[in-house]
């Protein structure tokens, strides 16, 4: 029986970024690096070693899976490995987003933001 999504929370920042990227579409490693860089406006940059270490862990946890599907096979490099989010990964991502939403909408956090943004 798979672990419940709450067992994975809170997600590490890179785990969250990879799951967000894969929730949109299947991607290969370089595509993940580009998307995460764009999504974070360059604040998060991934070195290949770090990227594949995170992917390996997410694969092991069952949150992502490798896929053989290619968008345009004749234009793609056959050495690229593509990844997709799994149903468990989607539930974990949704749970993390709900957790973060509840955190930032709490009155005490809102008061802190108002205090420090003035």
N, C-alpha and C. Protein backbone atom coordinates (compact mmCIF):
# COMPACT_ATOMS: atom_id res chain seq x y z
N UNK A 1 0.85 -1.19 0.00
CA UNK A 1 0.00 0.00 0.00
C UNK A 1 0.89 1.25 0.00
N UNK A 2 0.61 2.20 -0.90
CA UNK A 2 1.45 3.40 -0.98
C UNK A 2 1.30 4.27 0.27
N UNK A 3 2.35 5.02 0.56
CA UNK A 3 2.31 5.94 1.68
C UNK A 3 1.32 7.06 1.40
N UNK A 4 0.66 7.57 2.43
CA UNK A 4 -0.24 8.71 2.22
C UNK A 4 0.56 9.97 1.90
N UNK A 5 -0.01 10.88 1.12
CA UNK A 5 0.72 12.10 0.74
C UNK A 5 1.30 12.88 1.91
N UNK A 6 0.59 12.94 3.03
CA UNK A 6 1.09 13.74 4.17
C UNK A 6 2.42 13.23 4.70
N UNK A 7 2.74 11.94 4.45
CA UNK A 7 4.01 11.39 4.90
C UNK A 7 5.21 12.04 4.20
N UNK A 8 4.98 12.70 3.07
CA UNK A 8 6.06 13.32 2.30
C UNK A 8 6.25 14.80 2.62
N UNK A 9 5.35 15.34 3.44
CA UNK A 9 5.36 16.77 3.72
C UNK A 9 6.16 17.12 4.95
N UNK A 10 6.74 18.29 4.99
CA UNK A 10 6.81 19.28 3.91
C UNK A 10 7.82 18.84 2.85
N UNK A 11 7.54 19.23 1.61
CA UNK A 11 8.46 18.91 0.52
C UNK A 11 9.70 19.79 0.60
N UNK A 12 10.81 19.23 0.19
CA UNK A 12 12.02 20.04 0.05
C UNK A 12 11.79 20.99 -1.13
N UNK A 13 12.40 22.17 -1.10
CA UNK A 13 12.17 23.15 -2.18
C UNK A 13 12.42 22.60 -3.59
N UNK A 14 13.49 21.85 -3.79
CA UNK A 14 13.75 21.31 -5.13
C UNK A 14 12.74 20.25 -5.52
N UNK A 15 12.28 19.46 -4.56
CA UNK A 15 11.24 18.47 -4.85
C UNK A 15 9.98 19.19 -5.34
N UNK A 16 9.62 20.26 -4.66
CA UNK A 16 8.44 21.03 -5.04
C UNK A 16 8.61 21.58 -6.45
N UNK A 17 9.77 22.14 -6.75
CA UNK A 17 9.99 22.71 -8.08
C UNK A 17 9.91 21.65 -9.17
N UNK A 18 10.50 20.48 -8.94
CA UNK A 18 10.44 19.41 -9.95
C UNK A 18 9.03 18.91 -10.14
N UNK A 19 8.29 18.72 -9.06
CA UNK A 19 6.92 18.25 -9.19
C UNK A 19 6.03 19.28 -9.89
N UNK A 20 6.24 20.56 -9.59
CA UNK A 20 5.48 21.60 -10.29
C UNK A 20 5.75 21.56 -11.79
N UNK A 21 7.01 21.42 -12.14
CA UNK A 21 7.39 21.37 -13.55
C UNK A 21 6.79 20.15 -14.25
N UNK A 22 6.87 19.00 -13.60
CA UNK A 22 6.36 17.77 -14.21
C UNK A 22 4.84 17.71 -14.20
N UNK A 23 4.20 18.48 -13.34
CA UNK A 23 2.73 18.51 -13.33
C UNK A 23 2.21 19.15 -14.61
N UNK A 24 3.00 20.03 -15.21
CA UNK A 24 2.59 20.68 -16.45
C UNK A 24 2.76 19.76 -17.65
N UNK A 25 3.90 19.05 -17.69
CA UNK A 25 4.17 18.14 -18.81
C UNK A 25 5.39 17.28 -18.51
N UNK A 26 5.51 16.20 -19.26
CA UNK A 26 6.69 15.35 -19.14
C UNK A 26 7.89 16.15 -19.63
N UNK A 27 9.03 15.93 -18.98
CA UNK A 27 10.24 16.68 -19.36
C UNK A 27 11.47 15.80 -19.19
N UNK A 28 12.51 16.15 -19.92
CA UNK A 28 13.82 15.53 -19.71
C UNK A 28 14.62 16.44 -18.78
N UNK A 29 15.78 15.97 -18.36
CA UNK A 29 16.56 16.70 -17.37
C UNK A 29 16.84 18.14 -17.73
N UNK A 30 17.32 18.37 -18.95
CA UNK A 30 17.64 19.74 -19.35
C UNK A 30 16.38 20.60 -19.40
N UNK A 31 15.26 20.01 -19.82
CA UNK A 31 13.99 20.73 -19.83
C UNK A 31 13.56 21.13 -18.43
N UNK A 32 13.82 20.25 -17.46
CA UNK A 32 13.52 20.58 -16.06
C UNK A 32 14.35 21.75 -15.58
N UNK A 33 15.65 21.71 -15.89
CA UNK A 33 16.55 22.80 -15.49
C UNK A 33 16.06 24.12 -16.07
N UNK A 34 15.72 24.13 -17.36
CA UNK A 34 15.25 25.35 -18.01
C UNK A 34 13.94 25.85 -17.40
N UNK A 35 12.98 24.95 -17.21
CA UNK A 35 11.69 25.35 -16.68
C UNK A 35 11.81 25.90 -15.27
N UNK A 36 12.58 25.23 -14.44
CA UNK A 36 12.74 25.70 -13.05
C UNK A 36 13.45 27.04 -13.02
N UNK A 37 14.46 27.22 -13.86
CA UNK A 37 15.13 28.51 -13.95
C UNK A 37 14.17 29.61 -14.36
N UNK A 38 13.33 29.32 -15.37
CA UNK A 38 12.34 30.31 -15.83
C UNK A 38 11.30 30.58 -14.75
N UNK A 39 10.80 29.52 -14.14
CA UNK A 39 9.74 29.64 -13.12
C UNK A 39 10.20 30.47 -11.92
N UNK A 40 11.47 30.35 -11.57
CA UNK A 40 11.99 31.05 -10.39
C UNK A 40 12.75 32.33 -10.76
N UNK A 41 12.63 32.72 -12.04
CA UNK A 41 13.33 33.92 -12.53
C UNK A 41 14.82 33.85 -12.23
N UNK A 42 15.40 32.66 -12.39
CA UNK A 42 16.83 32.47 -12.22
C UNK A 42 17.30 32.32 -10.79
N UNK A 43 16.40 32.36 -9.82
CA UNK A 43 16.82 32.22 -8.42
C UNK A 43 17.25 30.80 -8.10
N UNK A 44 16.69 29.82 -8.80
CA UNK A 44 17.06 28.42 -8.57
C UNK A 44 17.76 27.92 -9.83
N UNK A 45 19.00 27.52 -9.67
CA UNK A 45 19.75 26.91 -10.77
C UNK A 45 20.18 25.52 -10.30
N UNK A 46 20.05 24.58 -11.19
CA UNK A 46 20.36 23.19 -10.84
C UNK A 46 21.57 22.70 -11.61
N UNK A 47 22.50 22.13 -10.90
CA UNK A 47 23.62 21.44 -11.52
C UNK A 47 23.15 20.02 -11.83
N UNK A 48 23.65 19.41 -12.89
CA UNK A 48 23.20 18.05 -13.24
C UNK A 48 23.29 17.05 -12.09
N UNK A 49 24.35 17.08 -11.32
CA UNK A 49 24.48 16.13 -10.21
C UNK A 49 23.35 16.27 -9.20
N UNK A 50 23.03 17.52 -8.85
CA UNK A 50 21.93 17.77 -7.90
C UNK A 50 20.60 17.36 -8.50
N UNK A 51 20.38 17.71 -9.76
CA UNK A 51 19.12 17.38 -10.43
C UNK A 51 18.89 15.88 -10.42
N UNK A 52 19.87 15.12 -10.83
CA UNK A 52 19.66 13.68 -10.95
C UNK A 52 19.62 12.98 -9.59
N UNK A 53 20.22 13.58 -8.59
CA UNK A 53 20.10 13.05 -7.22
C UNK A 53 18.66 13.20 -6.73
N UNK A 54 18.06 14.37 -6.99
CA UNK A 54 16.67 14.60 -6.60
C UNK A 54 15.75 13.69 -7.40
N UNK A 55 15.97 13.60 -8.70
CA UNK A 55 15.13 12.73 -9.53
C UNK A 55 15.21 11.29 -9.05
N UNK A 56 16.40 10.83 -8.73
CA UNK A 56 16.57 9.45 -8.26
C UNK A 56 15.74 9.20 -6.99
N UNK A 57 15.75 10.17 -6.07
CA UNK A 57 14.98 10.03 -4.84
C UNK A 57 13.47 10.05 -5.12
N UNK A 58 13.04 10.96 -6.00
CA UNK A 58 11.62 11.03 -6.34
C UNK A 58 11.16 9.76 -7.06
N UNK A 59 12.03 9.19 -7.89
CA UNK A 59 11.71 7.90 -8.53
C UNK A 59 11.56 6.82 -7.47
N UNK A 60 12.50 6.78 -6.54
CA UNK A 60 12.48 5.78 -5.47
C UNK A 60 11.23 5.91 -4.60
N UNK A 61 10.78 7.14 -4.36
CA UNK A 61 9.60 7.39 -3.54
C UNK A 61 8.29 7.16 -4.31
N UNK A 62 8.39 6.98 -5.62
CA UNK A 62 7.20 6.76 -6.43
C UNK A 62 6.45 8.03 -6.81
N UNK A 63 7.12 9.19 -6.67
CA UNK A 63 6.47 10.46 -6.99
C UNK A 63 6.62 10.82 -8.46
N UNK A 64 7.65 10.32 -9.10
CA UNK A 64 7.85 10.49 -10.53
C UNK A 64 8.21 9.13 -11.13
N UNK A 65 8.05 9.04 -12.44
CA UNK A 65 8.39 7.82 -13.15
C UNK A 65 9.08 8.21 -14.46
N UNK A 66 9.91 7.31 -14.93
CA UNK A 66 10.55 7.52 -16.23
C UNK A 66 9.57 7.06 -17.30
N UNK A 67 9.56 7.76 -18.42
CA UNK A 67 8.67 7.40 -19.51
C UNK A 67 9.46 7.23 -20.79
N UNK A 68 8.97 6.39 -21.68
CA UNK A 68 9.62 6.17 -22.97
C UNK A 68 9.04 7.05 -24.06
N UNK A 69 7.95 7.71 -23.76
CA UNK A 69 7.26 8.52 -24.76
C UNK A 69 8.11 9.71 -25.18
N UNK A 70 8.10 10.03 -26.45
CA UNK A 70 8.80 11.19 -27.00
C UNK A 70 7.78 12.04 -27.74
N UNK A 71 7.86 13.36 -27.54
CA UNK A 71 6.92 14.25 -28.22
C UNK A 71 7.10 14.19 -29.73
N UNK A 72 8.32 14.37 -30.20
CA UNK A 72 8.63 14.29 -31.63
C UNK A 72 9.89 13.43 -31.75
N UNK A 73 9.72 12.10 -31.83
CA UNK A 73 10.86 11.19 -31.77
C UNK A 73 11.97 11.50 -32.77
N UNK A 74 11.62 11.91 -33.97
CA UNK A 74 12.65 12.16 -34.99
C UNK A 74 13.49 13.40 -34.70
N UNK A 75 13.00 14.27 -33.84
CA UNK A 75 13.75 15.47 -33.48
C UNK A 75 14.41 15.37 -32.10
N UNK A 76 14.25 14.24 -31.46
CA UNK A 76 14.72 14.09 -30.09
C UNK A 76 15.98 13.24 -30.04
N UNK A 77 16.77 13.47 -29.03
CA UNK A 77 17.97 12.68 -28.78
C UNK A 77 17.55 11.44 -27.99
N UNK A 78 17.80 10.28 -28.54
CA UNK A 78 17.34 9.04 -27.90
C UNK A 78 18.00 8.78 -26.54
N UNK A 79 19.07 9.49 -26.23
CA UNK A 79 19.73 9.29 -24.93
C UNK A 79 19.01 10.02 -23.81
N UNK A 80 18.15 10.96 -24.16
CA UNK A 80 17.42 11.71 -23.13
C UNK A 80 16.44 10.80 -22.41
N UNK A 81 16.37 11.00 -21.10
CA UNK A 81 15.38 10.29 -20.30
C UNK A 81 14.30 11.30 -19.93
N UNK A 82 13.07 10.90 -20.14
CA UNK A 82 11.92 11.75 -19.83
C UNK A 82 11.26 11.27 -18.55
N UNK A 83 10.72 12.22 -17.80
CA UNK A 83 10.08 11.92 -16.53
C UNK A 83 8.68 12.50 -16.52
N UNK A 84 7.81 11.85 -15.74
CA UNK A 84 6.44 12.33 -15.57
C UNK A 84 6.08 12.21 -14.09
N UNK A 85 5.13 13.00 -13.67
CA UNK A 85 4.63 12.91 -12.30
C UNK A 85 3.69 11.71 -12.23
N UNK A 86 3.70 10.99 -11.13
CA UNK A 86 2.81 9.85 -10.94
C UNK A 86 1.53 10.33 -10.23
N UNK A 87 0.50 9.50 -10.19
CA UNK A 87 -0.70 9.89 -9.42
C UNK A 87 -0.37 10.21 -7.96
N UNK A 88 0.51 9.42 -7.33
CA UNK A 88 0.93 9.72 -5.96
C UNK A 88 1.64 11.06 -5.91
N UNK A 89 2.53 11.31 -6.87
CA UNK A 89 3.23 12.59 -6.93
C UNK A 89 2.28 13.76 -7.07
N UNK A 90 1.22 13.59 -7.85
CA UNK A 90 0.21 14.64 -8.00
C UNK A 90 -0.53 14.90 -6.71
N UNK A 91 -0.84 13.83 -5.98
CA UNK A 91 -1.54 14.00 -4.69
C UNK A 91 -0.62 14.67 -3.66
N UNK A 92 0.66 14.29 -3.67
CA UNK A 92 1.62 14.92 -2.76
C UNK A 92 1.76 16.40 -3.10
N UNK A 93 1.87 16.72 -4.38
CA UNK A 93 1.98 18.12 -4.80
C UNK A 93 0.75 18.91 -4.37
N UNK A 94 -0.44 18.37 -4.60
CA UNK A 94 -1.67 19.06 -4.19
C UNK A 94 -1.71 19.26 -2.68
N UNK A 95 -1.26 18.27 -1.92
CA UNK A 95 -1.24 18.38 -0.45
C UNK A 95 -0.26 19.46 0.00
N UNK A 96 0.89 19.54 -0.67
CA UNK A 96 1.89 20.55 -0.31
C UNK A 96 1.36 21.95 -0.63
N UNK A 97 0.72 22.10 -1.77
CA UNK A 97 0.18 23.40 -2.13
C UNK A 97 -0.90 23.82 -1.13
N UNK A 98 -1.75 22.89 -0.73
CA UNK A 98 -2.78 23.19 0.27
C UNK A 98 -2.13 23.57 1.60
N UNK A 99 -1.07 22.88 1.98
CA UNK A 99 -0.37 23.19 3.23
C UNK A 99 0.22 24.59 3.18
N UNK A 100 0.87 24.93 2.07
CA UNK A 100 1.47 26.26 1.92
C UNK A 100 0.41 27.35 1.87
N UNK A 101 -0.69 27.07 1.19
CA UNK A 101 -1.78 28.04 1.11
C UNK A 101 -2.32 28.35 2.51
N UNK A 102 -2.51 27.31 3.31
CA UNK A 102 -3.02 27.50 4.68
C UNK A 102 -2.00 28.29 5.51
N UNK A 103 -0.73 28.00 5.32
CA UNK A 103 0.31 28.69 6.07
C UNK A 103 0.32 30.18 5.77
N UNK A 104 0.33 30.54 4.49
CA UNK A 104 0.45 31.96 4.15
C UNK A 104 -0.85 32.73 4.33
N UNK A 105 -1.97 32.04 4.48
CA UNK A 105 -3.23 32.76 4.68
C UNK A 105 -3.60 32.89 6.16
N UNK A 106 -2.77 32.35 7.03
CA UNK A 106 -3.08 32.47 8.46
C UNK A 106 -2.95 33.93 8.91
N UNK A 107 -3.77 34.34 9.85
CA UNK A 107 -3.73 35.73 10.30
C UNK A 107 -2.36 36.16 10.82
N UNK A 108 -1.67 35.28 11.52
CA UNK A 108 -0.37 35.67 12.08
C UNK A 108 0.66 35.92 10.97
N UNK A 109 0.63 35.11 9.92
CA UNK A 109 1.57 35.32 8.82
C UNK A 109 1.21 36.58 8.05
N UNK A 110 -0.08 36.80 7.83
CA UNK A 110 -0.50 38.02 7.15
C UNK A 110 -0.05 39.26 7.93
N UNK A 111 -0.17 39.21 9.25
CA UNK A 111 0.26 40.33 10.09
C UNK A 111 1.77 40.55 9.96
N UNK A 112 2.53 39.48 9.92
CA UNK A 112 3.98 39.61 9.75
C UNK A 112 4.34 40.23 8.41
N UNK A 113 3.66 39.80 7.38
CA UNK A 113 3.93 40.36 6.05
C UNK A 113 3.62 41.85 6.03
N UNK A 114 2.50 42.22 6.60
CA UNK A 114 2.14 43.65 6.65
C UNK A 114 3.16 44.43 7.46
N UNK A 115 3.59 43.87 8.55
CA UNK A 115 4.55 44.55 9.42
C UNK A 115 5.88 44.78 8.71
N UNK A 116 6.37 43.78 8.02
CA UNK A 116 7.71 43.85 7.44
C UNK A 116 7.72 44.39 6.02
N UNK A 117 6.58 44.54 5.39
CA UNK A 117 6.58 45.08 4.03
C UNK A 117 6.37 46.59 4.02
N UNK A 118 6.13 47.15 5.18
CA UNK A 118 5.89 48.59 5.25
C UNK A 118 7.18 49.38 5.24
